[in-house]
Each structure stands twice: as structure tokens, then as C-alpha cells.
Amino acid sequence: MLFAALALVQDQLVRQHAIWRPYPKGPLIIAIFLPAYFLPTMLGFRSRRRWKIAAVNILLGWTVVGWVAAMVMAIRPPAEDPAEEPRLA
């Protein structure tokens, strides 16, 4: 009961003195979407195509198609090089 009364008084004081402002959502949105934007680059740094993936993500990631292309490049396994296979003969 005491906490409810204190909360009510605090709410009235804040509103009376025009201190009340809505919570700024910009930093929260940036903190969520910035890592999501660079997710293909972060995943791609474990492959040989890391700089190509980073370039596509940074230059074209602002488009949905560019971001999806960078993500596909990041999660796709590298193509097997026939020159690296051992020869039997």
C-alpha cells in the first residue's frame, strides 16, 4: 500500500513539473538492428569469402535483396575445388 502511494505521488510530481518524457526508443532500435544488419558479415568471417560477403553486406545490405544475398553467401559451404582432391593414379 505504501509503495502504491509513493508511486502515485511520484507520478503526480513528475507530470506536474513537466519532467515526464517518453522513453527514447532510438538507442534500443539501433542496439537490436545493427547486429542483425551485420549478421551476414559476422557469419562470413569464418569463410574464405569474408571480404566479398562484407562488401555485399555493407554496400547492398540496406536493400533486402542485398542482405539476403550476403546471408546466403555467408551460410553456404564453400565450393569444393577439384585441384585440392587427392589423385588416385
C-alpha atoms as a PDB file:
ATOM      1  CA  MET A   1       0.000   0.000   0.000  1.00  0.00           C
ATOM      2  CA  LEU A   2       2.836   2.357   0.875  1.00  0.00           C
ATOM      3  CA  PHE A   3       4.614   1.646  -2.424  1.00  0.00           C
ATOM      4  CA  ALA A   4       1.449   2.325  -4.397  1.00  0.00           C
ATOM      5  CA  ALA A   5       1.001   5.668  -2.643  1.00  0.00           C
ATOM      6  CA  LEU A   6       4.639   6.613  -3.252  1.00  0.00           C
ATOM      7  CA  ALA A   7       4.331   5.668  -6.907  1.00  0.00           C
ATOM      8  CA  LEU A   8       1.195   7.780  -7.251  1.00  0.00           C
ATOM      9  CA  VAL A   9       2.865  10.787  -5.600  1.00  0.00           C
ATOM     10  CA  GLN A  10       5.966  10.402  -7.755  1.00  0.00           C
ATOM     11  CA  ASP A  11       3.829  10.145 -10.881  1.00  0.00           C
ATOM     12  CA  GLN A  12       1.944  13.314  -9.977  1.00  0.00           C
ATOM     13  CA  LEU A  13       5.154  15.219  -9.199  1.00  0.00           C
ATOM     14  CA  VAL A  14       6.784  14.200 -12.439  1.00  0.00           C
ATOM     15  CA  ARG A  15       3.753  15.157 -14.505  1.00  0.00           C
ATOM     16  CA  GLN A  16       3.319  18.443 -12.635  1.00  0.00           C
ATOM     17  CA  HIS A  17       6.857  19.568 -13.268  1.00  0.00           C
ATOM     18  CA  ALA A  18       6.851  18.515 -16.904  1.00  0.00           C
ATOM     19  CA  ILE A  19       9.783  16.179 -16.356  1.00  0.00           C
ATOM     20  CA  TRP A  20       7.891  13.259 -17.851  1.00  0.00           C
ATOM     21  CA  ARG A  21       9.176  12.332 -21.264  1.00  0.00           C
ATOM     22  CA  PRO A  22       8.575   9.202 -23.258  1.00  0.00           C
ATOM     23  CA  TYR A  23      11.391   6.676 -23.196  1.00  0.00           C
ATOM     24  CA  PRO A  24      13.719   7.226 -26.178  1.00  0.00           C
ATOM     25  CA  LYS A  25      13.454   4.168 -28.375  1.00  0.00           C
ATOM     26  CA  GLY A  26      16.201   5.093 -30.848  1.00  0.00           C
ATOM     27  CA  PRO A  27      19.133   3.555 -28.955  1.00  0.00           C
ATOM     28  CA  LEU A  28      17.138   0.373 -28.343  1.00  0.00           C
ATOM     29  CA  ILE A  29      16.286   0.043 -32.031  1.00  0.00           C
ATOM     30  CA  ILE A  30      19.910   0.636 -33.002  1.00  0.00           C
ATOM     31  CA  ALA A  31      21.122  -1.934 -30.448  1.00  0.00           C
ATOM     32  CA  ILE A  32      18.820  -4.560 -31.953  1.00  0.00           C
ATOM     33  CA  PHE A  33      19.023  -3.850 -35.671  1.00  0.00           C
ATOM     34  CA  LEU A  34      22.714  -3.001 -36.068  1.00  0.00           C
ATOM     35  CA  PRO A  35      23.906  -6.507 -35.115  1.00  0.00           C
ATOM     36  CA  ALA A  36      21.129  -8.005 -37.252  1.00  0.00           C
ATOM     37  CA  TYR A  37      22.256  -5.874 -40.204  1.00  0.00           C
ATOM     38  CA  PHE A  38      25.848  -7.103 -39.900  1.00  0.00           C
ATOM     39  CA  LEU A  39      24.920 -10.728 -39.149  1.00  0.00           C
ATOM     40  CA  PRO A  40      25.991 -11.966 -42.637  1.00  0.00           C
ATOM     41  CA  THR A  41      29.371 -10.281 -42.207  1.00  0.00           C
ATOM     42  CA  MET A  42      29.841 -11.784 -38.754  1.00  0.00           C
ATOM     43  CA  LEU A  43      28.924 -15.249 -40.004  1.00  0.00           C
ATOM     44  CA  GLY A  44      31.039 -14.828 -43.126  1.00  0.00           C
ATOM     45  CA  PHE A  45      34.268 -14.115 -41.286  1.00  0.00           C
ATOM     46  CA  ARG A  46      34.771 -17.837 -40.805  1.00  0.00           C
ATOM     47  CA  SER A  47      34.982 -18.475 -44.536  1.00  0.00           C
ATOM     48  CA  ARG A  48      37.441 -17.586 -47.290  1.00  0.00           C
ATOM     49  CA  ARG A  49      34.925 -15.229 -48.927  1.00  0.00           C
ATOM     50  CA  ARG A  50      34.844 -12.923 -45.900  1.00  0.00           C
ATOM     51  CA  TRP A  51      35.686  -9.721 -47.770  1.00  0.00           C
ATOM     52  CA  LYS A  52      33.217 -10.394 -50.585  1.00  0.00           C
ATOM     53  CA  ILE A  53      30.468 -11.052 -48.062  1.00  0.00           C
ATOM     54  CA  ALA A  54      31.371  -7.915 -46.110  1.00  0.00           C
ATOM     55  CA  ALA A  55      31.390  -5.812 -49.276  1.00  0.00           C
ATOM     56  CA  VAL A  56      27.977  -7.080 -50.399  1.00  0.00           C
ATOM     57  CA  ASN A  57      26.551  -6.606 -46.927  1.00  0.00           C
ATOM     58  CA  ILE A  58      27.906  -3.088 -46.439  1.00  0.00           C
ATOM     59  CA  LEU A  59      27.203  -1.802 -49.948  1.00  0.00           C
ATOM     60  CA  LEU A  60      23.922  -3.588 -50.712  1.00  0.00           C
ATOM     61  CA  GLY A  61      22.718  -4.725 -47.279  1.00  0.00           C
ATOM     62  CA  TRP A  62      20.362  -1.765 -46.965  1.00  0.00           C
ATOM     63  CA  THR A  63      18.256  -3.438 -49.641  1.00  0.00           C
ATOM     64  CA  VAL A  64      16.546  -6.605 -48.567  1.00  0.00           C
ATOM     65  CA  VAL A  65      17.871  -8.425 -51.634  1.00  0.00           C
ATOM     66  CA  GLY A  66      21.480  -7.456 -50.847  1.00  0.00           C
ATOM     67  CA  TRP A  67      21.141  -8.557 -47.233  1.00  0.00           C
ATOM     68  CA  VAL A  68      19.653 -11.911 -48.264  1.00  0.00           C
ATOM     69  CA  ALA A  69      22.401 -12.400 -50.869  1.00  0.00           C
ATOM     70  CA  ALA A  70      25.068 -11.712 -48.254  1.00  0.00           C
ATOM     71  CA  MET A  71      23.382 -14.119 -45.842  1.00  0.00           C
ATOM     72  CA  VAL A  72      23.234 -16.860 -48.474  1.00  0.00           C
ATOM     73  CA  MET A  73      26.911 -16.304 -49.263  1.00  0.00           C
ATOM     74  CA  ALA A  74      27.751 -16.493 -45.554  1.00  0.00           C
ATOM     75  CA  ILE A  75      25.918 -19.714 -44.742  1.00  0.00           C
ATOM     76  CA  ARG A  76      26.614 -21.559 -48.000  1.00  0.00           C
ATOM     77  CA  PRO A  77      29.500 -24.020 -47.710  1.00  0.00           C
ATOM     78  CA  PRO A  78      32.461 -23.240 -49.949  1.00  0.00           C
ATOM     79  CA  ALA A  79      32.544 -24.959 -53.315  1.00  0.00           C
ATOM     80  CA  GLU A  80      34.900 -27.896 -53.487  1.00  0.00           C
ATOM     81  CA  ASP A  81      37.977 -27.196 -55.551  1.00  0.00           C
ATOM     82  CA  PRO A  82      38.816 -30.181 -57.806  1.00  0.00           C
ATOM     83  CA  ALA A  83      42.513 -29.227 -57.701  1.00  0.00           C
ATOM     84  CA  GLU A  84      42.607 -29.958 -53.945  1.00  0.00           C
ATOM     85  CA  GLU A  85      41.337 -33.535 -54.270  1.00  0.00           C
ATOM     86  CA  PRO A  86      43.989 -36.261 -53.990  1.00  0.00           C
ATOM     87  CA  ARG A  87      44.674 -38.198 -57.191  1.00  0.00           C
ATOM     88  CA  LEU A  88      44.481 -41.955 -57.119  1.00  0.00           C
ATOM     89  CA  ALA A  89      46.784 -42.679 -60.063  1.00  0.00           C
END
